[in-house]
Each structure stands twice: as structure tokens, then as C-alpha cells.
Amino acid sequence: MAKNKGKENICNFCGEAIPMNSLLIHGKDSSICEVCAEAVGDILRDWNQNHSSHSPGVVGKSVKKMLKPQEIKAYLDQYVIGQDEAKKVISVAVYNHYKRIFNQPAAVDEVEIEKSNIILVGETGTGKTLMARTIAKMLDVPFCIADATVFTEAGYVGEDVESILTRLLQAADYKVDQAERGIVFIDEIDKVARKSDNPSITRDVSGEGVQQSLLKLLEGSKVNVPPQGGRKHPEQRFIEVNTQNILFIASGAFNSIDKIIGQRMNTNVIGYNSKSKQLDKNNMMQYITTQDLRMFGLIPELCGRFPVITYMDSLDAKALKRILLEPKNALIKQYERLFDIDGIKLEFTDATLDYIVEKAVELNLGARGLRSIIEKIMTNAMYEFPGTKKKKVVIDLDYAKEQFEHSVYSFLD
């Protein structure tokens, strides 16, 4: 690059005369001005975003190379304990989603397969988000997790629902063709339920309004997305994203929905003419239907765009202990690794593990509560032992009880 020294005063691209004090970039037989150089740069960036030949993961594969549903579930089994029904449903949905993409109809009169978005229902700590993160690790496709609680209706303080697609674009490195085949996980969908079963006559900007805004994303339409997120404004540049082939998975705890299911199933039937129903009252989630989601507060249009409903089982003591020990990223393995870095071998007795599980059941926080309990037990050990010459540490029941009870009840001292 050089300043114009009078050798050339014409840009060979636009043909304009260039002032002597302006930048002119000289090639072997031609020159280009600063304005044309910037325009060429913009054209190249846009072309690379929309026509990149490098496509990661399943975007560039055929359906024959895709993992089959049983293989997807086998991968999930390595990280998620139990939840066989949910893993089967998600494995089939993911496989069918990409099978549908790779086999688009060649003629207009052929059968067109519609996508099946999924809604995942389960108590807190049962592994809903873990399931999504594990799918993200397995699939080399654009994937993002969004929290429904941050969204508000357009025009109000908060985020617009289009910011979900901004995150997906960022995960795809702004390659639109890849983002349009991605997966979006919307967490806490139950928090945008409307407050009553009657349509609101006033604005419900963080509830029903958000549900209405989500409809256009879920049904498959072309959406103008602000590339850097934030609010839309007229002078902003947008990226058009077609959501036709984006798979949406929503999840929520739906607290107390088991009561709605119980009322529908009429579990407390009294009378001679009533038919006895053999129901598992300890796990009412398995009977959930679209009708229950509507009664909870999701609008019918939104329910219709989530045709696949599955549930997460509650975790009992046996499952919680397996979570501590068996997955590839099991909590006990993580703490053993932390001590191993300091050259210390860490061991937990069986009685200690049973105690941790017992406390997790009491707190009723599911798998999420396991880590907080272990942290309370291990804080002093992680503070003291790395600075000593100890080569082995065994956490027995007495030590675990002493540390946990002291941390919980220390305010009484």
C-alpha cells in the first residue's frame, strides 16, 4: 500500500479520479482506491459466510454416516444415568431431524416430512440440561442453549426471542447455512406460562407475549436476526435465517403439574361405577399430555408446535449413587482428579457415599444437590491437604458428617 505519488490518479475499478492526498493501492498493472477495497472486503465476507465449503459434523454428511438412534442413546448412556425413555425420544428426534434434512423431496407432489420439536418435562436436578449439553458434545453441529426467563415481548426491557438465533449464528461462526441446520435448546419454558387459563386482556410481556413471539421461530419461517444481538432498530443490518430445519428442544420443571395430571386422570375416583386405574402415583409425569401443558399455561398454538413430549424420571437414592460413580464425568471422578493433580490419592468409603446420597434425597435437589453436599464436605480437605506431604486421603463417614453438619449448622455456634 502506498500514498498516491502522482504515478496513478485513476482507480482502475471505479474509474474515478483520486485526489493526491488519498490512499491508492497499487498492483502490478492496476490500482484500487480505498472505497473500492472496502467494498471488495465486504463482498468477500458475505460470500464466505453463505458459501463456505467447510461444513462441520452432520451438515456435510449423508444420513448413512449419521449415528443411528441406538448409537446416539449409547453415547448418552455414558454421561446420563437412567432416563431411558427420554434418551430414546431425543435419539429418535435428532436422527429423524437430519434424515429429514438429507432427504428433501425432489418433486412438489412428494411427501414433505415436517420437523418434530421436543418438549422435555422433569423436576429440577433430573438431568434436562445435562442431556442437552451431552447432545451438543456428540453432534458436531451448531448448538445453543437459551433461557426463556430472559425474554420479553418485543418493545419491552429484556431480550427479544430473535436473540436465540443470534446465539445459534455465533455457534455456527456466522455461517448461515450451518446455523439453519442447528439445534436450539430452550430452558425454563415453564416460566413463560400465562398466569391463568383465560387469554389475557392486558399485556403479559414476559409470559404469554413471549409464547406468541416464539411461534414464528418454531413453525419454520424466515426471521431477520440482528448479528450482534440486542434490540432491533430500522438502520441496523440483519441476517436472514430460515428456521425450517432448526430443531427446537424445550425443557422445564413444570412444578405442580403432577396435580393437574392427577385431576385429569381422576386418581381419587369414588363410586361403584368407577373403573380402577393402575397408576404409578409416584411418577405422574409419565402420563403427561398436551392437555396438561395447556392447563399449566402454555398457549395451544405453542403446544401444537411441540408435538413430541417426553419426561424425566425422578431420581431415587440408587440412581443418585450411580450418578456419583458411573458417568465419564462422575462427581467422584472429578474430585479424585483434582487431588491427583497435587499427587494425592483420594478415596471415599461406601458409607460416605451413602451419606451423601441420603442428604441429597433429604434436600430434594436431585443430582444438582450432590455437588453442593460434596463441596461442604471437601472444602477443608481441599484447603489443607495440597500444602502437606500426604499421598493418600480417605474420606470416611465420621469426617463427612463432621464437615457437613458443621457447615450447615455453624451459624448456631
Protein backbone atom coordinates (compact mmCIF):
# COMPACT_ATOMS: atom_id res chain seq x y z
CA MET A 1 0.00 0.00 0.00
CA ALA A 2 1.25 3.50 -0.68
CA LYS A 3 0.09 7.06 -0.89
CA ASN A 4 -0.56 8.35 -4.37
CA LYS A 5 2.67 9.95 -5.62
CA GLY A 6 1.28 11.09 -8.91
CA LYS A 7 2.13 7.94 -10.87
CA GLU A 8 -1.52 6.94 -10.90
CA ASN A 9 -4.50 9.15 -10.17
CA ILE A 10 -7.26 6.88 -11.51
CA CYS A 11 -8.83 3.85 -9.73
CA ASN A 12 -8.97 1.03 -12.28
CA PHE A 13 -12.09 -0.42 -10.55
CA CYS A 14 -14.42 2.57 -10.32
CA GLY A 15 -12.63 4.80 -12.84
CA GLU A 16 -12.79 7.79 -10.52
CA ALA A 17 -10.00 10.33 -10.21
CA ILE A 18 -8.27 10.04 -6.85
CA PRO A 19 -7.05 13.14 -5.00
CA MET A 20 -3.30 13.35 -4.48
CA ASN A 21 -3.60 13.08 -0.67
CA SER A 22 -5.83 9.93 -0.77
CA LEU A 23 -4.78 6.30 -0.37
CA LEU A 24 -4.28 4.37 -3.61
CA ILE A 25 -3.27 0.70 -3.54
CA HIS A 26 -1.03 -0.24 -6.47
CA GLY A 27 -0.88 -3.67 -8.11
CA LYS A 28 1.27 -4.85 -11.00
CA ASP A 29 -0.84 -3.33 -13.76
CA SER A 30 -3.70 -1.64 -11.89
CA SER A 31 -4.63 0.39 -8.83
CA ILE A 32 -7.59 0.40 -6.45
CA CYS A 33 -8.85 3.18 -4.20
CA GLU A 34 -9.73 2.82 -0.51
CA VAL A 35 -13.50 2.88 -1.10
CA CYS A 36 -13.39 0.04 -3.66
CA ALA A 37 -11.04 -2.00 -1.44
CA GLU A 38 -13.50 -1.80 1.46
CA ALA A 39 -16.39 -2.78 -0.85
CA VAL A 40 -14.46 -5.84 -2.08
CA GLY A 41 -13.74 -6.82 1.54
CA ASP A 42 -17.46 -6.69 2.39
CA ILE A 43 -18.35 -8.82 -0.64
CA LEU A 44 -15.76 -11.45 0.30
CA ARG A 45 -17.00 -11.63 3.91
CA ASP A 46 -20.62 -12.09 2.82
CA TRP A 47 -19.67 -14.76 0.28
CA ASN A 48 -17.61 -16.70 2.83
CA GLN A 49 -20.48 -16.64 5.34
CA ASN A 50 -23.02 -18.01 2.90
CA HIS A 51 -20.97 -20.25 0.59
CA SER A 52 -18.31 -21.78 2.77
CA SER A 53 -17.43 -25.27 1.54
CA HIS A 54 -16.33 -26.38 5.02
CA SER A 55 -19.27 -27.73 6.96
CA PRO A 56 -18.67 -29.42 10.30
CA GLY A 57 -20.39 -32.50 11.55
CA VAL A 58 -23.62 -33.76 10.16
CA VAL A 59 -24.13 -30.69 7.98
CA GLY A 60 -21.66 -32.14 5.50
CA LYS A 61 -22.52 -35.80 5.98
CA SER A 62 -25.09 -38.09 4.47
CA VAL A 63 -27.75 -39.79 6.54
CA LYS A 64 -25.93 -43.11 6.06
CA LYS A 65 -22.97 -41.73 8.02
CA MET A 66 -25.14 -40.35 10.82
CA LEU A 67 -25.20 -42.13 14.15
CA LYS A 68 -28.29 -44.32 14.36
CA PRO A 69 -30.75 -43.84 17.27
CA GLN A 70 -29.33 -46.77 19.24
CA GLU A 71 -25.81 -45.35 18.81
CA ILE A 72 -26.93 -41.91 19.95
CA LYS A 73 -28.55 -43.41 23.05
CA ALA A 74 -25.42 -45.48 23.77
CA TYR A 75 -23.40 -42.26 23.78
CA LEU A 76 -25.89 -40.57 26.11
CA ASP A 77 -25.69 -43.59 28.44
CA GLN A 78 -22.04 -42.78 29.09
CA TYR A 79 -22.94 -39.41 30.63
CA VAL A 80 -26.59 -39.54 31.71
CA ILE A 81 -27.75 -42.16 34.22
CA GLY A 82 -31.22 -43.65 33.74
CA GLN A 83 -33.85 -41.64 31.84
CA ASP A 84 -34.12 -44.36 29.18
CA GLU A 85 -37.44 -43.11 27.80
CA ALA A 86 -36.22 -39.53 27.39
CA LYS A 87 -32.98 -40.68 25.78
CA LYS A 88 -34.88 -42.85 23.29
CA VAL A 89 -37.19 -39.99 22.34
CA ILE A 90 -34.35 -37.50 21.88
CA SER A 91 -32.20 -40.01 19.96
CA VAL A 92 -35.04 -40.70 17.52
CA ALA A 93 -35.86 -36.99 17.18
CA VAL A 94 -32.28 -35.99 16.43
CA TYR A 95 -31.86 -38.83 13.90
CA ASN A 96 -35.17 -38.10 12.16
CA HIS A 97 -34.37 -34.40 12.09
CA TYR A 98 -31.24 -34.89 10.00
CA LYS A 99 -32.75 -37.74 7.99
CA ARG A 100 -35.47 -35.29 7.03
CA ILE A 101 -32.90 -32.65 6.00
CA PHE A 102 -30.83 -35.02 3.85
CA ASN A 103 -33.88 -36.41 2.04
CA GLN A 104 -35.73 -33.34 0.86
CA PRO A 105 -38.40 -34.22 -1.76
CA ALA A 106 -37.26 -33.83 -5.35
CA ALA A 107 -40.75 -33.08 -6.67
CA VAL A 108 -43.52 -30.92 -5.31
CA ASP A 109 -46.02 -33.80 -5.18
CA GLU A 110 -43.86 -35.99 -2.89
CA VAL A 111 -44.45 -36.32 0.83
CA GLU A 112 -42.86 -33.50 2.80
CA ILE A 113 -41.75 -34.51 6.29
CA GLU A 114 -42.37 -31.91 8.96
CA LYS A 115 -39.97 -31.44 11.85
CA SER A 116 -40.89 -32.59 15.34
CA ASN A 117 -39.81 -30.17 18.05
CA ILE A 118 -39.50 -31.68 21.52
CA ILE A 119 -40.60 -30.53 24.96
CA LEU A 120 -38.86 -32.16 27.92
CA VAL A 121 -40.62 -32.16 31.30
CA GLY A 122 -38.99 -33.06 34.60
CA GLU A 123 -38.19 -31.94 38.13
CA THR A 124 -35.12 -29.85 38.87
CA GLY A 125 -31.89 -31.82 39.01
CA THR A 126 -33.07 -34.74 36.86
CA GLY A 127 -30.61 -34.04 34.03
CA LYS A 128 -32.52 -31.99 31.43
CA THR A 129 -29.72 -29.51 30.79
CA LEU A 130 -27.08 -32.25 31.04
CA MET A 131 -28.91 -34.13 28.30
CA ALA A 132 -28.74 -31.04 26.07
CA ARG A 133 -25.05 -30.42 26.74
CA THR A 134 -24.22 -34.06 26.03
CA ILE A 135 -26.08 -33.90 22.71
CA ALA A 136 -24.08 -30.75 21.93
CA LYS A 137 -20.83 -32.58 22.63
CA MET A 138 -21.81 -35.55 20.48
CA LEU A 139 -23.19 -33.66 17.47
CA ASP A 140 -20.73 -31.54 15.56
CA VAL A 141 -23.45 -29.08 14.58
CA PRO A 142 -24.28 -25.55 15.72
CA PHE A 143 -25.97 -25.78 19.09
CA CYS A 144 -27.02 -23.19 21.64
CA ILE A 145 -28.82 -23.09 24.97
CA ALA A 146 -31.20 -20.22 25.70
CA ASP A 147 -33.02 -19.38 28.93
CA ALA A 148 -36.66 -18.43 28.36
CA THR A 149 -36.76 -16.31 31.53
CA VAL A 150 -34.69 -13.51 29.95
CA PHE A 151 -37.09 -12.92 27.07
CA THR A 152 -39.84 -10.32 26.92
CA GLU A 153 -42.29 -9.26 24.26
CA ALA A 154 -40.75 -7.02 21.59
CA GLY A 155 -40.58 -3.38 22.70
CA TYR A 156 -40.08 -4.04 26.43
CA VAL A 157 -37.00 -4.25 28.62
CA GLY A 158 -35.30 -7.62 28.15
CA GLU A 159 -34.23 -9.71 25.17
CA ASP A 160 -36.23 -10.37 22.01
CA VAL A 161 -36.71 -14.04 21.11
CA GLU A 162 -34.67 -13.45 17.93
CA SER A 163 -31.57 -13.30 20.15
CA ILE A 164 -31.86 -17.12 20.34
CA LEU A 165 -30.91 -17.26 16.66
CA THR A 166 -28.11 -14.75 17.24
CA ARG A 167 -26.54 -17.25 19.65
CA LEU A 168 -27.00 -20.03 17.12
CA LEU A 169 -25.31 -17.91 14.44
CA GLN A 170 -22.42 -17.26 16.81
CA ALA A 171 -22.10 -21.00 17.45
CA ALA A 172 -22.01 -21.51 13.66
CA ASP A 173 -19.33 -18.81 13.25
CA TYR A 174 -21.95 -16.79 11.35
CA LYS A 175 -22.25 -19.41 8.59
CA VAL A 176 -25.97 -19.15 7.86
CA ASP A 177 -26.31 -22.46 6.01
CA GLN A 178 -24.91 -24.31 9.01
CA ALA A 179 -26.99 -22.38 11.56
CA GLU A 180 -30.13 -23.29 9.59
CA ARG A 181 -29.44 -26.97 10.37
CA GLY A 182 -28.64 -26.48 14.05
CA ILE A 183 -30.32 -27.35 17.32
CA VAL A 184 -31.69 -24.87 19.87
CA PHE A 185 -32.33 -25.84 23.49
CA ILE A 186 -34.76 -23.51 25.30
CA ASP A 187 -34.60 -23.99 29.06
CA GLU A 188 -37.17 -22.90 31.67
CA ILE A 189 -40.01 -22.83 29.13
CA ASP A 190 -42.46 -23.30 32.01
CA LYS A 191 -41.55 -19.85 33.37
CA VAL A 192 -43.31 -18.14 30.45
CA ALA A 193 -46.63 -19.84 31.12
CA ARG A 194 -49.53 -17.44 31.35
CA LYS A 195 -50.94 -16.85 34.78
CA SER A 196 -54.46 -18.13 34.10
CA ASP A 197 -56.21 -20.33 31.57
CA ASN A 198 -58.09 -17.34 30.17
CA PRO A 199 -56.48 -15.27 27.39
CA SER A 200 -55.12 -12.08 28.92
CA ILE A 201 -56.77 -8.76 28.14
CA THR A 202 -53.68 -6.87 29.30
CA ARG A 203 -50.04 -7.27 28.36
CA ASP A 204 -48.22 -10.28 29.77
CA VAL A 205 -44.86 -9.26 28.32
CA SER A 206 -42.76 -11.97 29.96
CA GLY A 207 -45.33 -14.78 29.71
CA GLU A 208 -47.97 -15.11 27.03
CA GLY A 209 -46.29 -12.39 24.96
CA VAL A 210 -43.08 -14.42 24.79
CA GLN A 211 -45.01 -17.53 23.79
CA GLN A 212 -46.63 -15.63 20.92
CA SER A 213 -43.21 -14.35 19.80
CA LEU A 214 -41.75 -17.87 19.85
CA LEU A 215 -44.36 -19.18 17.41
CA LYS A 216 -42.75 -17.76 14.27
CA LEU A 217 -39.39 -19.28 15.24
CA LEU A 218 -40.81 -22.73 15.91
CA GLU A 219 -43.08 -23.10 12.89
CA GLY A 220 -40.37 -22.58 10.29
CA SER A 221 -40.16 -19.08 8.84
CA LYS A 222 -37.59 -16.56 7.64
CA VAL A 223 -36.50 -14.34 10.52
CA ASN A 224 -34.39 -11.18 10.39
CA VAL A 225 -31.75 -11.61 13.08
CA PRO A 226 -29.51 -8.81 14.45
CA PRO A 227 -25.99 -10.30 14.08
CA GLN A 228 -24.72 -8.90 17.38
CA GLY A 229 -27.94 -9.38 19.36
CA GLY A 230 -29.73 -6.60 21.23
CA ARG A 231 -32.77 -4.63 20.15
CA LYS A 232 -33.76 -4.16 16.54
CA HIS A 233 -33.72 -0.68 15.02
CA PRO A 234 -34.53 0.45 11.47
CA GLU A 235 -30.95 1.30 10.41
CA GLN A 236 -29.50 -2.00 11.65
CA ARG A 237 -28.17 -4.63 9.30
CA PHE A 238 -29.91 -8.02 9.64
CA ILE A 239 -29.08 -11.59 8.70
CA GLU A 240 -31.99 -13.62 7.33
CA VAL A 241 -32.28 -17.08 8.93
CA ASN A 242 -34.75 -19.75 7.82
CA THR A 243 -35.87 -21.79 10.86
CA GLN A 244 -37.49 -24.54 8.75
CA ASN A 245 -34.70 -27.02 9.52
CA ILE A 246 -33.74 -25.90 13.03
CA LEU A 247 -34.69 -28.42 15.72
CA PHE A 248 -36.04 -26.86 18.93
CA ILE A 249 -35.89 -28.73 22.24
CA ALA A 250 -37.61 -27.04 25.17
CA SER A 251 -37.45 -28.08 28.82
CA GLY A 252 -38.98 -27.07 32.12
CA ALA A 253 -39.65 -28.30 35.64
CA PHE A 254 -43.39 -27.50 35.43
CA ASN A 255 -43.74 -27.52 39.20
CA SER A 256 -47.04 -28.98 40.47
CA ILE A 257 -48.09 -30.18 37.02
CA ASP A 258 -48.42 -33.64 38.58
CA LYS A 259 -51.52 -32.32 40.37
CA ILE A 260 -53.01 -31.27 37.02
CA ILE A 261 -52.24 -34.73 35.63
CA GLY A 262 -53.82 -36.34 38.70
CA GLN A 263 -57.01 -34.32 38.28
CA ARG A 264 -57.24 -35.30 34.64
CA MET A 265 -56.57 -38.95 35.39
CA ASN A 266 -59.11 -38.76 38.24
CA THR A 267 -56.92 -40.76 40.60
CA ASN A 268 -59.25 -40.37 43.58
CA VAL A 269 -62.33 -41.88 41.96
CA ILE A 270 -65.06 -42.85 44.43
CA GLY A 271 -68.16 -44.84 43.50
CA TYR A 272 -69.34 -48.25 42.38
CA ASN A 273 -69.28 -47.43 38.67
CA SER A 274 -65.74 -46.06 38.61
CA LYS A 275 -63.10 -48.08 36.81
CA SER A 276 -59.99 -48.89 38.78
CA LYS A 277 -56.87 -47.40 37.21
CA GLN A 278 -53.49 -48.86 37.98
CA LEU A 279 -51.44 -45.67 38.11
CA ASP A 280 -47.94 -45.07 39.41
CA LYS A 281 -48.70 -42.13 41.69
CA ASN A 282 -45.00 -41.70 42.50
CA ASN A 283 -44.25 -40.79 38.89
CA MET A 284 -47.22 -38.99 37.39
CA MET A 285 -45.01 -37.29 34.79
CA GLN A 286 -45.14 -40.39 32.60
CA TYR A 287 -48.83 -39.69 31.88
CA ILE A 288 -48.28 -36.08 30.72
CA THR A 289 -50.11 -34.90 27.59
CA THR A 290 -50.54 -31.69 25.62
CA GLN A 291 -53.75 -31.07 27.55
CA ASP A 292 -51.80 -30.84 30.82
CA LEU A 293 -49.37 -28.31 29.33
CA ARG A 294 -52.32 -26.17 28.22
CA MET A 295 -53.84 -26.31 31.70
CA PHE A 296 -50.46 -25.29 33.13
CA GLY A 297 -50.39 -22.13 31.00
CA LEU A 298 -48.84 -22.83 27.60
CA ILE A 299 -50.97 -21.47 24.79
CA PRO A 300 -52.48 -24.05 22.39
CA GLU A 301 -50.51 -22.72 19.40
CA LEU A 302 -47.22 -23.27 21.22
CA CYS A 303 -48.22 -26.77 22.34
CA GLY A 304 -49.04 -27.63 18.75
CA ARG A 305 -45.51 -26.75 17.67
CA PHE A 306 -44.05 -29.20 20.20
CA PRO A 307 -45.65 -32.46 19.00
CA VAL A 308 -43.15 -34.65 20.89
CA ILE A 309 -43.48 -34.65 24.69
CA THR A 310 -41.24 -36.70 26.94
CA TYR A 311 -40.45 -36.72 30.63
CA MET A 312 -37.55 -37.17 33.04
CA ASP A 313 -37.97 -39.66 35.88
CA SER A 314 -37.44 -38.55 39.46
CA LEU A 315 -34.09 -39.72 40.80
CA ASP A 316 -34.13 -42.16 43.71
CA ALA A 317 -31.21 -43.00 46.02
CA LYS A 318 -29.98 -45.81 43.78
CA ALA A 319 -29.84 -43.54 40.72
CA LEU A 320 -28.11 -40.76 42.67
CA LYS A 321 -25.36 -43.14 43.80
CA ARG A 322 -24.84 -44.29 40.22
CA ILE A 323 -24.55 -40.62 39.18
CA LEU A 324 -21.78 -40.19 41.74
CA LEU A 325 -19.72 -43.08 40.37
CA GLU A 326 -20.58 -44.28 36.85
CA PRO A 327 -20.66 -41.50 34.20
CA LYS A 328 -17.48 -40.47 32.42
CA ASN A 329 -17.67 -37.12 34.18
CA ALA A 330 -18.93 -38.50 37.52
CA LEU A 331 -18.53 -36.15 40.50
CA ILE A 332 -16.31 -38.55 42.47
CA LYS A 333 -14.02 -38.90 39.44
CA GLN A 334 -13.77 -35.12 39.22
CA TYR A 335 -12.64 -34.74 42.85
CA GLU A 336 -10.24 -37.66 42.51
CA ARG A 337 -8.72 -35.89 39.53
CA LEU A 338 -8.39 -32.62 41.45
CA PHE A 339 -6.39 -34.34 44.20
CA ASP A 340 -4.42 -36.40 41.69
CA ILE A 341 -3.05 -33.18 40.19
CA ASP A 342 -1.46 -32.50 43.61
CA GLY A 343 -0.09 -36.05 43.77
CA ILE A 344 -2.68 -37.18 46.34
CA LYS A 345 -4.85 -40.29 46.00
CA LEU A 346 -8.40 -39.58 47.17
CA GLU A 347 -10.84 -42.29 48.31
CA PHE A 348 -14.43 -42.24 49.59
CA THR A 349 -15.78 -45.08 51.72
CA ASP A 350 -19.09 -46.68 50.75
CA ALA A 351 -20.66 -45.37 53.95
CA THR A 352 -19.64 -41.83 52.97
CA LEU A 353 -21.22 -42.18 49.53
CA ASP A 354 -24.44 -43.46 51.10
CA TYR A 355 -24.43 -40.47 53.46
CA ILE A 356 -24.03 -38.03 50.55
CA VAL A 357 -26.93 -39.65 48.70
CA GLU A 358 -29.08 -39.63 51.85
CA LYS A 359 -28.58 -35.89 52.28
CA ALA A 360 -29.31 -35.26 48.60
CA VAL A 361 -32.63 -37.09 48.95
CA GLU A 362 -33.47 -35.03 52.06
CA LEU A 363 -32.73 -31.74 50.28
CA ASN A 364 -34.81 -32.88 47.27
CA LEU A 365 -32.50 -31.15 44.78
CA GLY A 366 -31.80 -34.18 42.62
CA ALA A 367 -28.38 -34.61 41.05
CA ARG A 368 -27.71 -30.88 41.32
CA GLY A 369 -27.64 -31.16 45.11
CA LEU A 370 -24.88 -33.79 45.11
CA ARG A 371 -22.14 -31.33 44.24
CA SER A 372 -23.13 -28.79 46.89
CA ILE A 373 -23.05 -31.52 49.55
CA ILE A 374 -19.63 -32.79 48.45
CA GLU A 375 -18.30 -29.22 48.40
CA LYS A 376 -19.35 -28.73 52.02
CA ILE A 377 -17.62 -31.99 52.99
CA MET A 378 -14.46 -31.40 50.94
CA THR A 379 -13.77 -27.67 51.42
CA ASN A 380 -11.44 -28.06 54.42
CA ALA A 381 -9.71 -31.08 52.87
CA MET A 382 -9.10 -29.17 49.63
CA TYR A 383 -7.76 -26.25 51.70
CA GLU A 384 -5.40 -28.21 53.97
CA PHE A 385 -4.02 -31.27 52.17
CA PRO A 386 -2.48 -29.75 48.98
CA GLY A 387 0.05 -27.95 51.23
CA THR A 388 1.10 -31.12 53.06
CA LYS A 389 3.16 -34.18 52.10
CA LYS A 390 0.19 -36.54 52.28
CA LYS A 391 -0.03 -39.06 49.46
CA LYS A 392 -3.43 -40.55 50.31
CA VAL A 393 -6.65 -39.14 51.77
CA VAL A 394 -9.63 -41.30 52.78
CA ILE A 395 -12.96 -39.56 53.42
CA ASP A 396 -14.79 -41.73 55.96
CA LEU A 397 -18.30 -41.35 57.38
CA ASP A 398 -17.27 -39.62 60.62
CA TYR A 399 -15.27 -36.97 58.75
CA ALA A 400 -18.08 -36.42 56.24
CA LYS A 401 -20.70 -35.99 58.97
CA GLU A 402 -18.49 -33.62 60.95
CA GLN A 403 -17.72 -31.39 57.96
CA PHE A 404 -21.25 -31.31 56.57
CA GLU A 405 -23.01 -30.68 59.88
CA HIS A 406 -20.52 -28.02 60.86
CA SER A 407 -21.01 -26.15 57.57
CA VAL A 408 -24.79 -26.37 57.77
CA TYR A 409 -25.22 -25.55 61.45
CA SER A 410 -22.18 -23.31 62.00
CA PHE A 411 -24.45 -20.27 62.40
CA LEU A 412 -25.71 -21.78 65.66
CA ASP A 413 -22.22 -21.78 67.23
